[in-house]
Amino acid sequence: MALKSSVERAQRAAGGFAYAKKNIVIQYGDKEQPEAYLLDLIRRDLVARGIKDGDIQELDVYIKPEEGAVYYVLNRELPGQVAF
């Protein structure tokens, strides 16, 4: 386990795409939302639905700005939606 952590630290220090800081913004018409904001909306929705952070294993996100919606599926079984 310690070896894996050392390798991960070395890879992060070396940089590269996987470890680069990213800023993703979704634009549609006159609307613009940062990825981090949309993910925070989803997290808040999940918490409001009684889901704990530890229960989140996988999250699929589908952004449909033309519908004004961001759809998601938690752990391949629980669908949800927040506003774009």
PDB file of N, CA and C in Angstrom:
ATOM      1  N   MET A   1       0.825  -1.196   0.000  1.00  0.00           N
ATOM      2  CA  MET A   1       0.000   0.000   0.000  1.00  0.00           C
ATOM      3  C   MET A   1       0.861   1.248   0.000  1.00  0.00           C
ATOM      4  N   ALA A   2       1.938   1.252   0.762  1.00  0.00           N
ATOM      5  CA  ALA A   2       2.813   2.420   0.810  1.00  0.00           C
ATOM      6  C   ALA A   2       3.457   2.665  -0.541  1.00  0.00           C
ATOM      7  N   LEU A   3       3.793   1.613  -1.257  1.00  0.00           N
ATOM      8  CA  LEU A   3       4.401   1.743  -2.577  1.00  0.00           C
ATOM      9  C   LEU A   3       3.438   2.430  -3.542  1.00  0.00           C
ATOM     10  N   LYS A   4       2.182   2.042  -3.513  1.00  0.00           N
ATOM     11  CA  LYS A   4       1.179   2.649  -4.392  1.00  0.00           C
ATOM     12  C   LYS A   4       1.056   4.133  -4.095  1.00  0.00           C
ATOM     13  N   SER A   5       1.017   4.522  -2.822  1.00  0.00           N
ATOM     14  CA  SER A   5       0.923   5.925  -2.441  1.00  0.00           C
ATOM     15  C   SER A   5       2.127   6.706  -2.928  1.00  0.00           C
ATOM     16  N   SER A   6       3.322   6.107  -2.831  1.00  0.00           N
ATOM     17  CA  SER A   6       4.539   6.770  -3.300  1.00  0.00           C
ATOM     18  C   SER A   6       4.493   6.986  -4.804  1.00  0.00           C
ATOM     19  N   VAL A   7       4.013   6.003  -5.524  1.00  0.00           N
ATOM     20  CA  VAL A   7       3.907   6.113  -6.982  1.00  0.00           C
ATOM     21  C   VAL A   7       2.901   7.192  -7.348  1.00  0.00           C
ATOM     22  N   GLU A   8       1.768   7.222  -6.675  1.00  0.00           N
ATOM     23  CA  GLU A   8       0.750   8.235  -6.953  1.00  0.00           C
ATOM     24  C   GLU A   8       1.282   9.635  -6.660  1.00  0.00           C
ATOM     25  N   ARG A   9       2.006   9.805  -5.559  1.00  0.00           N
ATOM     26  CA  ARG A   9       2.591  11.119  -5.245  1.00  0.00           C
ATOM     27  C   ARG A   9       3.590  11.530  -6.307  1.00  0.00           C
ATOM     28  N   ALA A  10       4.394  10.603  -6.768  1.00  0.00           N
ATOM     29  CA  ALA A  10       5.388  10.900  -7.805  1.00  0.00           C
ATOM     30  C   ALA A  10       4.702  11.285  -9.110  1.00  0.00           C
ATOM     31  N   GLN A  11       3.624  10.599  -9.461  1.00  0.00           N
ATOM     32  CA  GLN A  11       2.897  10.922 -10.690  1.00  0.00           C
ATOM     33  C   GLN A  11       2.259  12.306 -10.592  1.00  0.00           C
ATOM     34  N   ARG A  12       1.681  12.615  -9.436  1.00  0.00           N
ATOM     35  CA  ARG A  12       1.082  13.943  -9.240  1.00  0.00           C
ATOM     36  C   ARG A  12       2.137  15.032  -9.357  1.00  0.00           C
ATOM     37  N   ALA A  13       3.296  14.799  -8.766  1.00  0.00           N
ATOM     38  CA  ALA A  13       4.377  15.785  -8.804  1.00  0.00           C
ATOM     39  C   ALA A  13       4.880  15.990 -10.231  1.00  0.00           C
ATOM     40  N   ALA A  14       4.890  14.921 -11.017  1.00  0.00           N
ATOM     41  CA  ALA A  14       5.347  15.010 -12.404  1.00  0.00           C
ATOM     42  C   ALA A  14       4.326  15.739 -13.271  1.00  0.00           C
ATOM     43  N   GLY A  15       3.074  15.761 -12.847  1.00  0.00           N
ATOM     44  CA  GLY A  15       2.031  16.457 -13.598  1.00  0.00           C
ATOM     45  C   GLY A  15       1.395  15.564 -14.643  1.00  0.00           C
ATOM     46  N   GLY A  16       0.997  16.186 -15.700  1.00  0.00           N
ATOM     47  CA  GLY A  16       0.316  15.457 -16.760  1.00  0.00           C
ATOM     48  C   GLY A  16      -1.174  15.722 -16.724  1.00  0.00           C
ATOM     49  N   PHE A  17      -1.836  15.254 -17.754  1.00  0.00           N
ATOM     50  CA  PHE A  17      -3.260  15.531 -17.911  1.00  0.00           C
ATOM     51  C   PHE A  17      -4.093  15.050 -16.725  1.00  0.00           C
ATOM     52  N   ALA A  18      -3.842  13.847 -16.242  1.00  0.00           N
ATOM     53  CA  ALA A  18      -4.654  13.268 -15.169  1.00  0.00           C
ATOM     54  C   ALA A  18      -4.616  14.101 -13.894  1.00  0.00           C
ATOM     55  N   TYR A  19      -3.502  14.770 -13.656  1.00  0.00           N
ATOM     56  CA  TYR A  19      -3.356  15.508 -12.402  1.00  0.00           C
ATOM     57  C   TYR A  19      -3.421  17.019 -12.596  1.00  0.00           C
ATOM     58  N   ALA A  20      -3.588  17.472 -13.815  1.00  0.00           N
ATOM     59  CA  ALA A  20      -3.668  18.909 -14.079  1.00  0.00           C
ATOM     60  C   ALA A  20      -4.971  19.471 -13.531  1.00  0.00           C
ATOM     61  N   LYS A  21      -4.916  20.683 -13.014  1.00  0.00           N
ATOM     62  CA  LYS A  21      -6.120  21.365 -12.556  1.00  0.00           C
ATOM     63  C   LYS A  21      -6.947  21.704 -13.788  1.00  0.00           C
ATOM     64  N   LYS A  22      -8.237  21.389 -13.733  1.00  0.00           N
ATOM     65  CA  LYS A  22      -9.103  21.593 -14.885  1.00  0.00           C
ATOM     66  C   LYS A  22     -10.258  22.521 -14.527  1.00  0.00           C
ATOM     67  N   ASN A  23     -10.627  23.361 -15.469  1.00  0.00           N
ATOM     68  CA  ASN A  23     -11.772  24.249 -15.298  1.00  0.00           C
ATOM     69  C   ASN A  23     -12.676  24.033 -16.505  1.00  0.00           C
ATOM     70  N   ILE A  24     -13.809  23.375 -16.304  1.00  0.00           N
ATOM     71  CA  ILE A  24     -14.720  23.057 -17.395  1.00  0.00           C
ATOM     72  C   ILE A  24     -15.995  23.876 -17.215  1.00  0.00           C
ATOM     73  N   VAL A  25     -16.372  24.573 -18.282  1.00  0.00           N
ATOM     74  CA  VAL A  25     -17.571  25.396 -18.276  1.00  0.00           C
ATOM     75  C   VAL A  25     -18.449  24.947 -19.436  1.00  0.00           C
ATOM     76  N   ILE A  26     -19.737  24.710 -19.160  1.00  0.00           N
ATOM     77  CA  ILE A  26     -20.681  24.296 -20.184  1.00  0.00           C
ATOM     78  C   ILE A  26     -21.467  25.533 -20.595  1.00  0.00           C
ATOM     79  N   GLN A  27     -21.474  25.825 -21.892  1.00  0.00           N
ATOM     80  CA  GLN A  27     -22.170  26.988 -22.413  1.00  0.00           C
ATOM     81  C   GLN A  27     -23.252  26.542 -23.381  1.00  0.00           C
ATOM     82  N   TYR A  28     -24.380  27.248 -23.309  1.00  0.00           N
ATOM     83  CA  TYR A  28     -25.462  26.996 -24.252  1.00  0.00           C
ATOM     84  C   TYR A  28     -26.275  28.269 -24.353  1.00  0.00           C
ATOM     85  N   GLY A  29     -26.340  28.824 -25.541  1.00  0.00           N
ATOM     86  CA  GLY A  29     -27.055  30.085 -25.713  1.00  0.00           C
ATOM     87  C   GLY A  29     -26.454  31.139 -24.812  1.00  0.00           C
ATOM     88  N   ASP A  30     -27.288  31.761 -24.003  1.00  0.00           N
ATOM     89  CA  ASP A  30     -26.803  32.790 -23.083  1.00  0.00           C
ATOM     90  C   ASP A  30     -26.551  32.245 -21.682  1.00  0.00           C
ATOM     91  N   LYS A  31     -26.624  30.924 -21.524  1.00  0.00           N
ATOM     92  CA  LYS A  31     -26.386  30.308 -20.218  1.00  0.00           C
ATOM     93  C   LYS A  31     -24.979  29.728 -20.152  1.00  0.00           C
ATOM     94  N   GLU A  32     -24.419  29.758 -18.958  1.00  0.00           N
ATOM     95  CA  GLU A  32     -23.072  29.236 -18.735  1.00  0.00           C
ATOM     96  C   GLU A  32     -22.980  28.731 -17.299  1.00  0.00           C
ATOM     97  N   GLN A  33     -22.554  27.484 -17.130  1.00  0.00           N
ATOM     98  CA  GLN A  33     -22.418  26.906 -15.792  1.00  0.00           C
ATOM     99  C   GLN A  33     -21.099  26.146 -15.695  1.00  0.00           C
ATOM    100  N   PRO A  34     -20.326  26.409 -14.647  1.00  0.00           N
ATOM    101  CA  PRO A  34     -19.102  25.628 -14.425  1.00  0.00           C
ATOM    102  C   PRO A  34     -19.445  24.196 -13.997  1.00  0.00           C
ATOM    103  N   GLU A  35     -18.628  23.267 -14.422  1.00  0.00           N
ATOM    104  CA  GLU A  35     -18.818  21.859 -14.064  1.00  0.00           C
ATOM    105  C   GLU A  35     -18.906  21.682 -12.549  1.00  0.00           C
ATOM    106  N   ALA A  36     -18.019  22.353 -11.815  1.00  0.00           N
ATOM    107  CA  ALA A  36     -17.994  22.210 -10.353  1.00  0.00           C
ATOM    108  C   ALA A  36     -19.323  22.634  -9.723  1.00  0.00           C
ATOM    109  N   TYR A  37     -19.936  23.677 -10.273  1.00  0.00           N
ATOM    110  CA  TYR A  37     -21.222  24.150  -9.748  1.00  0.00           C
ATOM    111  C   TYR A  37     -22.311  23.091  -9.977  1.00  0.00           C
ATOM    112  N   LEU A  38     -22.333  22.509 -11.182  1.00  0.00           N
ATOM    113  CA  LEU A  38     -23.336  21.491 -11.482  1.00  0.00           C
ATOM    114  C   LEU A  38     -23.154  20.254 -10.604  1.00  0.00           C
ATOM    115  N   LEU A  39     -21.903  19.852 -10.389  1.00  0.00           N
ATOM    116  CA  LEU A  39     -21.644  18.709  -9.504  1.00  0.00           C
ATOM    117  C   LEU A  39     -22.053  19.014  -8.067  1.00  0.00           C
ATOM    118  N   ASP A  40     -21.870  20.259  -7.645  1.00  0.00           N
ATOM    119  CA  ASP A  40     -22.297  20.649  -6.294  1.00  0.00           C
ATOM    120  C   ASP A  40     -23.821  20.589  -6.180  1.00  0.00           C
ATOM    121  N   LEU A  41     -24.528  21.018  -7.230  1.00  0.00           N
ATOM    122  CA  LEU A  41     -25.993  20.914  -7.224  1.00  0.00           C
ATOM    123  C   LEU A  41     -26.434  19.462  -7.090  1.00  0.00           C
ATOM    124  N   ILE A  42     -25.756  18.579  -7.807  1.00  0.00           N
ATOM    125  CA  ILE A  42     -26.083  17.152  -7.718  1.00  0.00           C
ATOM    126  C   ILE A  42     -25.808  16.630  -6.317  1.00  0.00           C
ATOM    127  N   ARG A  43     -24.665  16.993  -5.751  1.00  0.00           N
ATOM    128  CA  ARG A  43     -24.330  16.550  -4.390  1.00  0.00           C
ATOM    129  C   ARG A  43     -25.387  17.026  -3.398  1.00  0.00           C
ATOM    130  N   ARG A  44     -25.794  18.276  -3.510  1.00  0.00           N
ATOM    131  CA  ARG A  44     -26.828  18.816  -2.612  1.00  0.00           C
ATOM    132  C   ARG A  44     -28.152  18.070  -2.771  1.00  0.00           C
ATOM    133  N   ASP A  45     -28.500  17.754  -4.016  1.00  0.00           N
ATOM    134  CA  ASP A  45     -29.733  17.011  -4.281  1.00  0.00           C
ATOM    135  C   ASP A  45     -29.671  15.630  -3.637  1.00  0.00           C
ATOM    136  N   LEU A  46     -28.523  14.979  -3.765  1.00  0.00           N
ATOM    137  CA  LEU A  46     -28.357  13.651  -3.166  1.00  0.00           C
ATOM    138  C   LEU A  46     -28.459  13.715  -1.646  1.00  0.00           C
ATOM    139  N   VAL A  47     -27.824  14.704  -1.043  1.00  0.00           N
ATOM    140  CA  VAL A  47     -27.887  14.862   0.420  1.00  0.00           C
ATOM    141  C   VAL A  47     -29.331  15.109   0.853  1.00  0.00           C
ATOM    142  N   ALA A  48     -30.048  15.942   0.092  1.00  0.00           N
ATOM    143  CA  ALA A  48     -31.453  16.222   0.416  1.00  0.00           C
ATOM    144  C   ALA A  48     -32.312  14.960   0.310  1.00  0.00           C
ATOM    145  N   ARG A  49     -31.875  14.020  -0.527  1.00  0.00           N
ATOM    146  CA  ARG A  49     -32.597  12.758  -0.681  1.00  0.00           C
ATOM    147  C   ARG A  49     -32.149  11.709   0.332  1.00  0.00           C
ATOM    148  N   GLY A  50     -31.245  12.086   1.237  1.00  0.00           N
ATOM    149  CA  GLY A  50     -30.811  11.182   2.296  1.00  0.00           C
ATOM    150  C   GLY A  50     -29.635  10.290   1.926  1.00  0.00           C
ATOM    151  N   ILE A  51     -28.965  10.575   0.816  1.00  0.00           N
ATOM    152  CA  ILE A  51     -27.811   9.780   0.399  1.00  0.00           C
ATOM    153  C   ILE A  51     -26.569  10.318   1.099  1.00  0.00           C
ATOM    154  N   LYS A  52     -25.778   9.432   1.672  1.00  0.00           N
ATOM    155  CA  LYS A  52     -24.540   9.829   2.345  1.00  0.00           C
ATOM    156  C   LYS A  52     -23.375   9.764   1.367  1.00  0.00           C
ATOM    157  N   ASP A  53     -22.363  10.617   1.579  1.00  0.00           N
ATOM    158  CA  ASP A  53     -21.188  10.635   0.710  1.00  0.00           C
ATOM    159  C   ASP A  53     -20.576   9.246   0.556  1.00  0.00           C
ATOM    160  N   GLY A  54     -20.522   8.487   1.623  1.00  0.00           N
ATOM    161  CA  GLY A  54     -19.927   7.161   1.581  1.00  0.00           C
ATOM    162  C   GLY A  54     -20.693   6.174   0.707  1.00  0.00           C
ATOM    163  N   ASP A  55     -21.960   6.494   0.409  1.00  0.00           N
ATOM    164  CA  ASP A  55     -22.782   5.620  -0.429  1.00  0.00           C
ATOM    165  C   ASP A  55     -22.588   5.890  -1.920  1.00  0.00           C
ATOM    166  N   ILE A  56     -21.856   6.943  -2.255  1.00  0.00           N
ATOM    167  CA  ILE A  56     -21.660   7.314  -3.653  1.00  0.00           C
ATOM    168  C   ILE A  56     -20.443   6.583  -4.193  1.00  0.00           C
ATOM    169  N   GLN A  57     -20.685   5.647  -5.097  1.00  0.00           N
ATOM    170  CA  GLN A  57     -19.610   4.875  -5.715  1.00  0.00           C
ATOM    171  C   GLN A  57     -19.387   5.294  -7.166  1.00  0.00           C
ATOM    172  N   GLU A  58     -20.464   5.612  -7.854  1.00  0.00           N
ATOM    173  CA  GLU A  58     -20.385   5.955  -9.274  1.00  0.00           C
ATOM    174  C   GLU A  58     -21.480   6.963  -9.595  1.00  0.00           C
ATOM    175  N   LEU A  59     -21.142   7.932 -10.416  1.00  0.00           N
ATOM    176  CA  LEU A  59     -22.110   8.959 -10.790  1.00  0.00           C
ATOM    177  C   LEU A  59     -21.981   9.237 -12.279  1.00  0.00           C
ATOM    178  N   ASP A  60     -23.048   8.974 -13.016  1.00  0.00           N
ATOM    179  CA  ASP A  60     -23.102   9.289 -14.436  1.00  0.00           C
ATOM    180  C   ASP A  60     -23.911  10.574 -14.584  1.00  0.00           C
ATOM    181  N   VAL A  61     -23.376  11.528 -15.337  1.00  0.00           N
ATOM    182  CA  VAL A  61     -24.014  12.840 -15.489  1.00  0.00           C
ATOM    183  C   VAL A  61     -24.281  13.103 -16.965  1.00  0.00           C
ATOM    184  N   TYR A  62     -25.488  13.568 -17.269  1.00  0.00           N
ATOM    185  CA  TYR A  62     -25.905  13.889 -18.630  1.00  0.00           C
ATOM    186  C   TYR A  62     -26.408  15.331 -18.627  1.00  0.00           C
ATOM    187  N   ILE A  63     -25.685  16.203 -19.291  1.00  0.00           N
ATOM    188  CA  ILE A  63     -26.020  17.623 -19.299  1.00  0.00           C
ATOM    189  C   ILE A  63     -26.816  17.924 -20.558  1.00  0.00           C
ATOM    190  N   LYS A  64     -28.030  18.413 -20.385  1.00  0.00           N
ATOM    191  CA  LYS A  64     -28.912  18.733 -21.505  1.00  0.00           C
ATOM    192  C   LYS A  64     -29.354  20.198 -21.369  1.00  0.00           C
ATOM    193  N   PRO A  65     -28.462  21.142 -21.700  1.00  0.00           N
ATOM    194  CA  PRO A  65     -28.797  22.550 -21.499  1.00  0.00           C
ATOM    195  C   PRO A  65     -30.003  22.989 -22.323  1.00  0.00           C
ATOM    196  N   GLU A  66     -30.235  22.353 -23.476  1.00  0.00           N
ATOM    197  CA  GLU A  66     -31.399  22.733 -24.291  1.00  0.00           C
ATOM    198  C   GLU A  66     -32.709  22.410 -23.570  1.00  0.00           C
ATOM    199  N   GLU A  67     -32.667  21.498 -22.605  1.00  0.00           N
ATOM    200  CA  GLU A  67     -33.832  21.164 -21.782  1.00  0.00           C
ATOM    201  C   GLU A  67     -33.778  21.878 -20.432  1.00  0.00           C
ATOM    202  N   GLY A  68     -32.666  22.592 -20.171  1.00  0.00           N
ATOM    203  CA  GLY A  68     -32.505  23.276 -18.889  1.00  0.00           C
ATOM    204  C   GLY A  68     -32.321  22.295 -17.747  1.00  0.00           C
ATOM    205  N   ALA A  69     -31.712  21.133 -18.051  1.00  0.00           N
ATOM    206  CA  ALA A  69     -31.622  20.085 -17.036  1.00  0.00           C
ATOM    207  C   ALA A  69     -30.269  19.392 -17.058  1.00  0.00           C
ATOM    208  N   VAL A  70     -29.907  18.874 -15.894  1.00  0.00           N
ATOM    209  CA  VAL A  70     -28.750  18.007 -15.738  1.00  0.00           C
ATOM    210  C   VAL A  70     -29.285  16.730 -15.097  1.00  0.00           C
ATOM    211  N   TYR A  71     -29.209  15.655 -15.839  1.00  0.00           N
ATOM    212  CA  TYR A  71     -29.680  14.358 -15.349  1.00  0.00           C
ATOM    213  C   TYR A  71     -28.498  13.571 -14.798  1.00  0.00           C
ATOM    214  N   TYR A  72     -28.770  12.747 -13.814  1.00  0.00           N
ATOM    215  CA  TYR A  72     -27.707  11.904 -13.268  1.00  0.00           C
ATOM    216  C   TYR A  72     -28.261  10.557 -12.842  1.00  0.00           C
ATOM    217  N   VAL A  73     -27.363   9.590 -12.759  1.00  0.00           N
ATOM    218  CA  VAL A  73     -27.707   8.261 -12.254  1.00  0.00           C
ATOM    219  C   VAL A  73     -26.645   7.894 -11.228  1.00  0.00           C
ATOM    220  N   LEU A  74     -27.081   7.643 -10.014  1.00  0.00           N
ATOM    221  CA  LEU A  74     -26.186   7.291  -8.918  1.00  0.00           C
ATOM    222  C   LEU A  74     -26.063   5.778  -8.822  1.00  0.00           C
ATOM    223  N   ASN A  75     -24.835   5.310  -8.821  1.00  0.00           N
ATOM    224  CA  ASN A  75     -24.551   3.880  -8.655  1.00  0.00           C
ATOM    225  C   ASN A  75     -25.355   3.002  -9.608  1.00  0.00           C
ATOM    226  N   ARG A  76     -25.580   3.495 -10.803  1.00  0.00           N
ATOM    227  CA  ARG A  76     -26.282   2.778 -11.871  1.00  0.00           C
ATOM    228  C   ARG A  76     -27.711   2.376 -11.530  1.00  0.00           C
ATOM    229  N   GLU A  77     -28.297   3.009 -10.508  1.00  0.00           N
ATOM    230  CA  GLU A  77     -29.667   2.592 -10.165  1.00  0.00           C
ATOM    231  C   GLU A  77     -30.591   3.719  -9.737  1.00  0.00           C
ATOM    232  N   LEU A  78     -30.071   4.830  -9.212  1.00  0.00           N
ATOM    233  CA  LEU A  78     -30.934   5.884  -8.695  1.00  0.00           C
ATOM    234  C   LEU A  78     -30.837   7.120  -9.586  1.00  0.00           C
ATOM    235  N   PRO A  79     -31.888   7.389 -10.399  1.00  0.00           N
ATOM    236  CA  PRO A  79     -31.848   8.562 -11.273  1.00  0.00           C
ATOM    237  C   PRO A  79     -32.223   9.836 -10.522  1.00  0.00           C
ATOM    238  N   GLY A  80     -31.776  10.954 -11.067  1.00  0.00           N
ATOM    239  CA  GLY A  80     -32.118  12.247 -10.507  1.00  0.00           C
ATOM    240  C   GLY A  80     -31.945  13.331 -11.541  1.00  0.00           C
ATOM    241  N   GLN A  81     -32.352  14.545 -11.167  1.00  0.00           N
ATOM    242  CA  GLN A  81     -32.275  15.669 -12.071  1.00  0.00           C
ATOM    243  C   GLN A  81     -32.157  16.961 -11.290  1.00  0.00           C
ATOM    244  N   VAL A  82     -31.324  17.872 -11.789  1.00  0.00           N
ATOM    245  CA  VAL A  82     -31.222  19.222 -11.240  1.00  0.00           C
ATOM    246  C   VAL A  82     -31.316  20.194 -12.402  1.00  0.00           C
ATOM    247  N   ALA A  83     -31.582  21.460 -12.098  1.00  0.00           N
ATOM    248  CA  ALA A  83     -31.698  22.476 -13.139  1.00  0.00           C
ATOM    249  C   ALA A  83     -30.330  22.895 -13.642  1.00  0.00           C
ATOM    250  N   PHE A  84     -30.239  23.180 -14.949  1.00  0.00           N
ATOM    251  CA  PHE A  84     -28.989  23.631 -15.545  1.00  0.00           C
ATOM    252  C   PHE A  84     -28.773  25.060 -15.144  1.00  0.00           C
TER     253      PHE A  84
END
